[in-house]
C-alpha atoms as a PDB file:
ATOM      1  CA  MET A   1     266.114 -60.956  53.710  1.00  0.00           C
ATOM      2  CA  THR A   2     265.885 -58.557  56.072  1.00  0.00           C
ATOM      3  CA  SER A   3     266.601 -55.128  55.494  1.00  0.00           C
ATOM      4  CA  ILE A   4     269.380 -53.189  57.934  1.00  0.00           C
ATOM      5  CA  GLY A   5     270.302 -50.072  56.893  1.00  0.00           C
ATOM      6  CA  THR A   6     270.963 -48.040  53.932  1.00  0.00           C
ATOM      7  CA  ILE A   7     274.616 -47.038  52.100  1.00  0.00           C
ATOM      8  CA  ILE A   8     274.845 -44.055  50.407  1.00  0.00           C
ATOM      9  CA  LYS A   9     278.077 -44.365  47.929  1.00  0.00           C
ATOM     10  CA  GLU A  10     279.572 -41.796  45.110  1.00  0.00           C
ATOM     11  CA  ILE A  11     280.038 -43.848  41.872  1.00  0.00           C
ATOM     12  CA  ILE A  12     282.966 -42.563  39.839  1.00  0.00           C
ATOM     13  CA  PRO A  13     282.778 -44.161  36.149  1.00  0.00           C
ATOM     14  CA  PRO A  14     285.665 -43.046  33.585  1.00  0.00           C
ATOM     15  CA  HIS A  15     284.062 -41.055  30.932  1.00  0.00           C
ATOM     16  CA  ARG A  16     286.356 -39.144  28.133  1.00  0.00           C
ATOM     17  CA  LYS A  17     284.996 -35.348  29.658  1.00  0.00           C
ATOM     18  CA  GLY A  18     286.754 -36.375  33.366  1.00  0.00           C
ATOM     19  CA  ASP A  19     285.063 -38.274  35.946  1.00  0.00           C
ATOM     20  CA  ILE A  20     281.444 -37.713  36.388  1.00  0.00           C
ATOM     21  CA  ARG A  21     280.155 -38.671  40.577  1.00  0.00           C
ATOM     22  CA  LEU A  22     277.012 -40.727  40.861  1.00  0.00           C
ATOM     23  CA  LYS A  23     275.371 -41.331  43.921  1.00  0.00           C
ATOM     24  CA  ARG A  24     273.899 -44.222  44.743  1.00  0.00           C
ATOM     25  CA  GLU A  25     271.876 -45.564  47.932  1.00  0.00           C
ATOM     26  CA  PHE A  26     271.816 -48.973  48.040  1.00  0.00           C
ATOM     27  CA  VAL A  27     269.622 -50.951  50.589  1.00  0.00           C
ATOM     28  CA  VAL A  28     271.729 -54.006  52.759  1.00  0.00           C
ATOM     29  CA  LEU A  29     270.039 -56.738  53.724  1.00  0.00           C
ATOM     30  CA  GLU A  30     270.963 -59.397  56.006  1.00  0.00           C
ATOM     31  CA  ASP A  31     272.227 -62.408  54.697  1.00  0.00           C
ATOM     32  CA  ALA A  32     272.283 -61.570  51.417  1.00  0.00           C
ATOM     33  CA  HIS A  33     274.871 -61.607  48.810  1.00  0.00           C
ATOM     34  CA  ILE A  34     275.127 -60.410  45.244  1.00  0.00           C
ATOM     35  CA  GLN A  35     277.762 -61.190  42.355  1.00  0.00           C
ATOM     36  CA  GLY A  36     277.487 -57.196  40.744  1.00  0.00           C
ATOM     37  CA  PHE A  37     274.862 -54.365  40.519  1.00  0.00           C
ATOM     38  CA  LEU A  38     272.972 -52.624  37.866  1.00  0.00           C
ATOM     39  CA  LEU A  39     272.915 -49.347  37.346  1.00  0.00           C
ATOM     40  CA  GLY A  40     271.137 -48.909  34.271  1.00  0.00           C
ATOM     41  CA  THR A  41     274.688 -49.238  32.056  1.00  0.00           C
ATOM     42  CA  ASP A  42     272.911 -48.841  28.333  1.00  0.00           C
ATOM     43  CA  TYR A  43     270.656 -46.073  29.676  1.00  0.00           C
ATOM     44  CA  GLN A  44     273.577 -44.204  31.159  1.00  0.00           C
ATOM     45  CA  ARG A  45     275.787 -44.884  27.679  1.00  0.00           C
ATOM     46  CA  MET A  46     273.224 -42.780  25.344  1.00  0.00           C
ATOM     47  CA  TYR A  47     274.492 -39.883  27.326  1.00  0.00           C
ATOM     48  CA  GLY A  48     277.915 -41.211  26.735  1.00  0.00           C
ATOM     49  CA  ILE A  49     279.153 -41.728  30.166  1.00  0.00           C
ATOM     50  CA  ASP A  50     281.662 -45.108  29.888  1.00  0.00           C
ATOM     51  CA  ILE A  51     280.548 -47.969  32.131  1.00  0.00           C
ATOM     52  CA  TYR A  52     283.389 -50.590  32.751  1.00  0.00           C
ATOM     53  CA  ASN A  53     282.775 -53.471  34.390  1.00  0.00           C
ATOM     54  CA  SER A  54     284.499 -56.019  35.665  1.00  0.00           C
ATOM     55  CA  LYS A  55     283.936 -59.492  37.015  1.00  0.00           C
ATOM     56  CA  ASN A  56     285.220 -58.819  40.846  1.00  0.00           C
ATOM     57  CA  ARG A  57     283.411 -55.266  41.070  1.00  0.00           C
ATOM     58  CA  GLN A  58     282.100 -54.129  44.124  1.00  0.00           C
ATOM     59  CA  ILE A  59     281.864 -51.471  47.133  1.00  0.00           C
ATOM     60  CA  THR A  60     282.604 -50.853  50.228  1.00  0.00           C
ATOM     61  CA  VAL A  61     282.227 -47.937  52.873  1.00  0.00           C
ATOM     62  CA  GLY A  62     285.340 -48.757  55.418  1.00  0.00           C
ATOM     63  CA  THR A  63     284.308 -48.651  59.076  1.00  0.00           C
ATOM     64  CA  ASN A  64     283.437 -44.994  58.428  1.00  0.00           C
ATOM     65  CA  THR A  65     279.462 -45.664  59.516  1.00  0.00           C
ATOM     66  CA  GLU A  66     278.254 -42.248  60.043  1.00  0.00           C
ATOM     67  CA  ASN A  67     278.531 -40.337  56.579  1.00  0.00           C
ATOM     68  CA  ASN A  68     278.401 -43.447  54.679  1.00  0.00           C
ATOM     69  CA  PHE A  69     276.251 -45.913  56.550  1.00  0.00           C
ATOM     70  CA  SER A  70     272.391 -45.503  58.003  1.00  0.00           C
ATOM     71  CA  LEU A  71     271.539 -47.710  60.818  1.00  0.00           C
ATOM     72  CA  GLU A  72     267.841 -47.116  60.310  1.00  0.00           C
ATOM     73  CA  ILE A  73     266.094 -50.297  59.847  1.00  0.00           C
ATOM     74  CA  TYR A  74     262.990 -49.682  57.890  1.00  0.00           C
ATOM     75  CA  GLN A  75     259.763 -50.779  59.320  1.00  0.00           C
ATOM     76  CA  ILE A  76     257.090 -51.918  56.771  1.00  0.00           C
ATOM     77  CA  SER A  77     254.760 -51.197  59.553  1.00  0.00           C
ATOM     78  CA  THR A  78     255.563 -46.778  59.299  1.00  0.00           C
ATOM     79  CA  LEU A  79     255.618 -46.610  55.486  1.00  0.00           C
ATOM     80  CA  ASP A  80     252.605 -44.950  53.955  1.00  0.00           C
ATOM     81  CA  PRO A  81     250.767 -46.983  51.109  1.00  0.00           C
ATOM     82  CA  LEU A  82     252.751 -46.317  48.161  1.00  0.00           C
ATOM     83  CA  GLU A  83     256.033 -47.050  49.883  1.00  0.00           C
ATOM     84  CA  LYS A  84     254.127 -50.111  50.965  1.00  0.00           C
ATOM     85  CA  LEU A  85     253.229 -51.497  47.316  1.00  0.00           C
ATOM     86  CA  LEU A  86     256.516 -50.594  46.265  1.00  0.00           C
ATOM     87  CA  ASN A  87     258.613 -52.775  49.015  1.00  0.00           C
ATOM     88  CA  GLU A  88     255.733 -55.532  47.803  1.00  0.00           C
ATOM     89  CA  PRO A  89     258.066 -58.699  46.182  1.00  0.00           C
ATOM     90  CA  ALA A  90     256.925 -57.886  42.227  1.00  0.00           C
ATOM     91  CA  ILE A  91     257.820 -61.638  41.026  1.00  0.00           C
ATOM     92  CA  SER A  92     259.676 -63.346  43.234  1.00  0.00           C
ATOM     93  CA  ILE A  93     261.717 -63.439  46.979  1.00  0.00           C
ATOM     94  CA  GLY A  94     264.301 -66.059  45.931  1.00  0.00           C
ATOM     95  CA  GLU A  95     262.277 -68.760  47.594  1.00  0.00           C
ATOM     96  CA  GLU A  96     261.765 -70.563  43.964  1.00  0.00           C
ATOM     97  CA  ALA A  97     263.759 -71.336  41.258  1.00  0.00           C
ATOM     98  CA  LEU A  98     263.887 -69.108  38.038  1.00  0.00           C
ATOM     99  CA  GLY A  99     261.563 -72.078  36.295  1.00  0.00           C
ATOM    100  CA  LYS A 100     258.864 -72.408  38.545  1.00  0.00           C
ATOM    101  CA  ILE A 101     257.842 -68.437  38.466  1.00  0.00           C
ATOM    102  CA  ARG A 102     254.910 -68.005  36.575  1.00  0.00           C
ATOM    103  CA  SER A 103     253.318 -65.150  34.529  1.00  0.00           C
ATOM    104  CA  HIS A 104     252.836 -64.400  31.004  1.00  0.00           C
ATOM    105  CA  ASP A 105     253.687 -67.479  29.115  1.00  0.00           C
ATOM    106  CA  ILE A 106     254.405 -67.862  25.452  1.00  0.00           C
ATOM    107  CA  GLU A 107     252.771 -69.641  22.682  1.00  0.00           C
ATOM    108  CA  LEU A 108     254.386 -70.757  19.734  1.00  0.00           C
ATOM    109  CA  TYR A 109     252.731 -71.539  16.386  1.00  0.00           C
ATOM    110  CA  LEU A 110     254.555 -73.263  13.477  1.00  0.00           C
ATOM    111  CA  ASP A 111     253.684 -72.920   9.641  1.00  0.00           C
ATOM    112  CA  VAL A 112     254.163 -76.583   9.203  1.00  0.00           C
ATOM    113  CA  GLU A 113     253.034 -80.207   9.736  1.00  0.00           C
ATOM    114  CA  ARG A 114     253.841 -83.819  11.479  1.00  0.00           C
ATOM    115  CA  PRO A 115     255.969 -84.826  10.208  1.00  0.00           C
ATOM    116  CA  TYR A 116     258.272 -82.197  10.215  1.00  0.00           C
ATOM    117  CA  PRO A 117     261.326 -81.371   8.065  1.00  0.00           C
ATOM    118  CA  PRO A 118     264.659 -82.464   8.815  1.00  0.00           C
ATOM    119  CA  ILE A 119     266.542 -78.845   9.347  1.00  0.00           C
ATOM    120  CA  LEU A 120     264.346 -78.647  12.678  1.00  0.00           C
ATOM    121  CA  ARG A 121     265.508 -81.897  13.603  1.00  0.00           C
ATOM    122  CA  SER A 122     268.866 -80.690  13.212  1.00  0.00           C
ATOM    123  CA  PRO A 123     271.733 -83.116  15.549  1.00  0.00           C
ATOM    124  CA  SER A 124     274.185 -81.038  18.249  1.00  0.00           C
ATOM    125  CA  TYR A 125     276.952 -79.271  16.899  1.00  0.00           C
ATOM    126  CA  PRO A 126     280.782 -80.565  17.354  1.00  0.00           C
ATOM    127  CA  GLU A 127     282.538 -78.712  20.226  1.00  0.00           C
ATOM    128  CA  SER A 128     285.741 -78.123  21.293  1.00  0.00           C
ATOM    129  CA  LEU A 129     286.678 -79.835  25.115  1.00  0.00           C
ATOM    130  CA  GLU A 130     287.012 -75.811  26.061  1.00  0.00           C
ATOM    131  CA  ASN A 131     283.166 -75.871  24.474  1.00  0.00           C
ATOM    132  CA  ARG A 132     281.714 -79.128  25.841  1.00  0.00           C
ATOM    133  CA  MET A 133     283.269 -78.097  29.710  1.00  0.00           C
ATOM    134  CA  GLU A 134     280.982 -74.725  29.491  1.00  0.00           C
ATOM    135  CA  ILE A 135     277.933 -76.369  27.797  1.00  0.00           C
ATOM    136  CA  GLU A 136     278.426 -78.825  30.643  1.00  0.00           C
ATOM    137  CA  LYS A 137     278.794 -75.898  32.913  1.00  0.00           C
ATOM    138  CA  HIS A 138     275.163 -73.996  31.926  1.00  0.00           C
ATOM    139  CA  ILE A 139     273.738 -76.232  31.347  1.00  0.00           C
ATOM    140  CA  ASN A 140     273.819 -77.989  35.106  1.00  0.00           C
ATOM    141  CA  GLU A 141     272.810 -74.334  36.303  1.00  0.00           C
ATOM    142  CA  HIS A 142     269.898 -74.390  33.957  1.00  0.00           C
ATOM    143  CA  LEU A 143     268.878 -77.553  35.377  1.00  0.00           C
ATOM    144  CA  GLU A 144     269.199 -76.352  38.874  1.00  0.00           C
ATOM    145  CA  MET A 145     267.514 -72.997  38.224  1.00  0.00           C
ATOM    146  CA  ASP A 146     264.359 -75.309  37.285  1.00  0.00           C
ATOM    147  CA  VAL A 147     265.032 -73.459  33.708  1.00  0.00           C
ATOM    148  CA  ILE A 148     265.395 -76.771  32.033  1.00  0.00           C
ATOM    149  CA  ARG A 149     264.556 -80.671  32.329  1.00  0.00           C
ATOM    150  CA  LYS A 150     266.478 -84.039  30.567  1.00  0.00           C
ATOM    151  CA  ILE A 151     264.333 -85.645  27.978  1.00  0.00           C
ATOM    152  CA  GLY A 152     263.798 -88.943  29.160  1.00  0.00           C
ATOM    153  CA  HIS A 153     265.032 -91.478  26.595  1.00  0.00           C
ATOM    154  CA  ASN A 154     260.972 -92.848  26.315  1.00  0.00           C
ATOM    155  CA  GLU A 155     259.539 -89.735  25.427  1.00  0.00           C
ATOM    156  CA  ILE A 156     259.060 -89.002  21.520  1.00  0.00           C
ATOM    157  CA  VAL A 157     261.408 -85.957  19.925  1.00  0.00           C
ATOM    158  CA  GLU A 158     260.752 -84.379  16.726  1.00  0.00           C
ATOM    159  CA  ILE A 159     262.846 -80.728  16.961  1.00  0.00           C
ATOM    160  CA  THR A 160     265.633 -80.228  18.013  1.00  0.00           C
ATOM    161  CA  THR A 161     267.840 -77.325  18.158  1.00  0.00           C
ATOM    162  CA  PRO A 162     271.749 -77.412  18.521  1.00  0.00           C
ATOM    163  CA  VAL A 163     273.041 -75.012  21.263  1.00  0.00           C
ATOM    164  CA  LEU A 164     276.541 -73.212  20.955  1.00  0.00           C
ATOM    165  CA  ILE A 165     278.071 -71.638  23.603  1.00  0.00           C
ATOM    166  CA  THR A 166     279.260 -67.752  23.039  1.00  0.00           C
ATOM    167  CA  TRP A 167     281.769 -65.186  24.392  1.00  0.00           C
ATOM    168  CA  HIS A 168     280.429 -61.991  24.746  1.00  0.00           C
ATOM    169  CA  ASP A 169     281.245 -59.144  26.939  1.00  0.00           C
ATOM    170  CA  GLY A 170     283.780 -61.592  29.070  1.00  0.00           C
ATOM    171  CA  LYS A 171     281.882 -64.056  29.156  1.00  0.00           C
ATOM    172  CA  TYR A 172     280.731 -68.017  27.743  1.00  0.00           C
ATOM    173  CA  ARG A 173     276.840 -67.877  27.091  1.00  0.00           C
ATOM    174  CA  LEU A 174     274.583 -70.612  26.868  1.00  0.00           C
ATOM    175  CA  CYS A 175     272.594 -70.007  23.101  1.00  0.00           C
ATOM    176  CA  GLY A 176     270.322 -71.819  21.661  1.00  0.00           C
ATOM    177  CA  ASP A 177     270.627 -71.870  16.915  1.00  0.00           C
ATOM    178  CA  PHE A 178     266.856 -71.330  16.763  1.00  0.00           C
ATOM    179  CA  ARG A 179     268.038 -69.953  13.111  1.00  0.00           C
ATOM    180  CA  ALA A 180     265.926 -72.804  11.385  1.00  0.00           C
ATOM    181  CA  LEU A 181     262.485 -72.984  13.917  1.00  0.00           C
ATOM    182  CA  ASN A 182     262.372 -68.929  13.489  1.00  0.00           C
ATOM    183  CA  GLY A 183     261.644 -69.885   9.559  1.00  0.00           C
ATOM    184  CA  TYR A 184     258.527 -71.533  10.385  1.00  0.00           C
ATOM    185  CA  THR A 185     257.385 -69.817  13.275  1.00  0.00           C
ATOM    186  CA  LYS A 186     254.203 -67.692  13.227  1.00  0.00           C
ATOM    187  CA  SER A 187     255.235 -64.145  13.662  1.00  0.00           C
ATOM    188  CA  ASP A 188     253.578 -61.504  16.500  1.00  0.00           C
ATOM    189  CA  ARG A 189     252.751 -58.355  14.690  1.00  0.00           C
ATOM    190  CA  TYR A 190     252.149 -56.660  17.894  1.00  0.00           C
ATOM    191  CA  PRO A 191     254.610 -53.573  18.063  1.00  0.00           C
ATOM    192  CA  ILE A 192     257.269 -53.778  20.968  1.00  0.00           C
ATOM    193  CA  PRO A 193     257.833 -50.064  22.204  1.00  0.00           C
ATOM    194  CA  LYS A 194     261.069 -48.725  21.753  1.00  0.00           C
ATOM    195  CA  ILE A 195     262.894 -48.115  24.959  1.00  0.00           C
ATOM    196  CA  PRO A 196     263.721 -44.221  24.262  1.00  0.00           C
ATOM    197  CA  HIS A 197     259.901 -43.565  23.212  1.00  0.00           C
ATOM    198  CA  SER A 198     258.743 -45.366  26.368  1.00  0.00           C
ATOM    199  CA  LEU A 199     261.659 -43.079  28.316  1.00  0.00           C
ATOM    200  CA  ASP A 200     260.014 -40.240  26.453  1.00  0.00           C
ATOM    201  CA  LYS A 201     256.881 -40.937  27.587  1.00  0.00           C
ATOM    202  CA  LEU A 202     257.969 -41.196  31.518  1.00  0.00           C
ATOM    203  CA  GLU A 203     258.589 -36.909  31.726  1.00  0.00           C
ATOM    204  CA  LYS A 204     256.138 -36.220  33.544  1.00  0.00           C
ATOM    205  CA  ALA A 205     255.734 -38.683  36.004  1.00  0.00           C
ATOM    206  CA  LYS A 206     256.011 -38.169  39.736  1.00  0.00           C
ATOM    207  CA  TYR A 207     257.370 -41.805  40.360  1.00  0.00           C
ATOM    208  CA  ILE A 208     259.226 -43.893  38.567  1.00  0.00           C
ATOM    209  CA  THR A 209     259.904 -47.091  39.507  1.00  0.00           C
ATOM    210  CA  LYS A 210     262.542 -50.270  37.699  1.00  0.00           C
ATOM    211  CA  MET A 211     262.942 -53.350  38.303  1.00  0.00           C
ATOM    212  CA  ASP A 212     266.204 -55.741  36.857  1.00  0.00           C
ATOM    213  CA  CYS A 213     265.723 -59.504  36.354  1.00  0.00           C
ATOM    214  CA  MET A 214     268.228 -62.166  36.777  1.00  0.00           C
ATOM    215  CA  LYS A 215     268.279 -63.984  33.095  1.00  0.00           C
ATOM    216  CA  GLY A 216     265.959 -61.710  31.783  1.00  0.00           C
ATOM    217  CA  PHE A 217     265.445 -64.054  28.427  1.00  0.00           C
ATOM    218  CA  HIS A 218     264.409 -67.004  30.882  1.00  0.00           C
ATOM    219  CA  GLN A 219     261.711 -64.693  32.403  1.00  0.00           C
ATOM    220  CA  ASN A 220     259.366 -65.620  29.720  1.00  0.00           C
ATOM    221  CA  GLY A 221     257.791 -69.240  30.611  1.00  0.00           C
ATOM    222  CA  VAL A 222     256.728 -71.066  27.446  1.00  0.00           C
ATOM    223  CA  LYS A 223     253.304 -73.135  27.890  1.00  0.00           C
ATOM    224  CA  PRO A 224     253.656 -77.406  28.348  1.00  0.00           C
ATOM    225  CA  ASN A 225     251.791 -77.599  24.853  1.00  0.00           C
ATOM    226  CA  TYR A 226     254.796 -75.529  23.505  1.00  0.00           C
ATOM    227  CA  MET A 227     257.736 -77.024  25.354  1.00  0.00           C
ATOM    228  CA  LYS A 228     258.545 -79.406  22.653  1.00  0.00           C
ATOM    229  CA  LEU A 229     259.531 -76.958  20.180  1.00  0.00           C
ATOM    230  CA  LEU A 230     262.106 -74.988  22.116  1.00  0.00           C
ATOM    231  CA  ARG A 231     264.335 -79.087  22.573  1.00  0.00           C
ATOM    232  CA  ILE A 232     268.213 -78.387  22.502  1.00  0.00           C
ATOM    233  CA  ILE A 233     271.031 -80.884  21.888  1.00  0.00           C
ATOM    234  CA  CYS A 234     274.095 -81.132  22.701  1.00  0.00           C
ATOM    235  CA  HIS A 235     276.445 -83.916  23.716  1.00  0.00           C
ATOM    236  CA  MET A 236     275.131 -83.899  27.211  1.00  0.00           C
ATOM    237  CA  GLY A 237     271.583 -84.911  25.684  1.00  0.00           C
ATOM    238  CA  ILE A 238     268.346 -83.624  24.746  1.00  0.00           C
ATOM    239  CA  TYR A 239     266.349 -80.281  27.271  1.00  0.00           C
END
């Protein structure tokens, strides 16, 4: 995708003490489509800024291109080394499925040996017709992204985790009920840094970058030998 310019737009989110103007700069990409914008809403809420996202949110600049739209094309060859680095694709440029992206794969270890207890071989949960339709929608979406694959009839399956559909932030989400598996998984005690502490360390930083990953949970790959521990089951089969 090619950058054809930038849009400088003031976004006015609702606030309990009056509207706040946030100036944002968007890069316009040729032949690109986006469903929504991530503006760091969690961080803004820490300071009392209320962000209300809707399904059909969009930003338009009308026909006035002088004030809001810059037709300047940014050529990589004219950028300094730092800007070249910031314009490098971090993980993927969208030419491969999300499930094909590999970085730091996860290893899982269980505290039990074969044969595994029955609680780790759970059947699928009963679901309403509406939930079954949503499960089918999400399963097909994950198959297209190559995040999951269908388990064949001739494959040995020892551990299955049922899935359930939940309603969160105005939309359905597919979740695996891994509570039983968590009880037998060896924990990694390496401390995860807290977001506020990480932000405090950036106080004197000269350059700050941020990357929002689509479906961040699935950005963590699992090593092939341990994928069998994360198999999910529903009315459509095992994945």
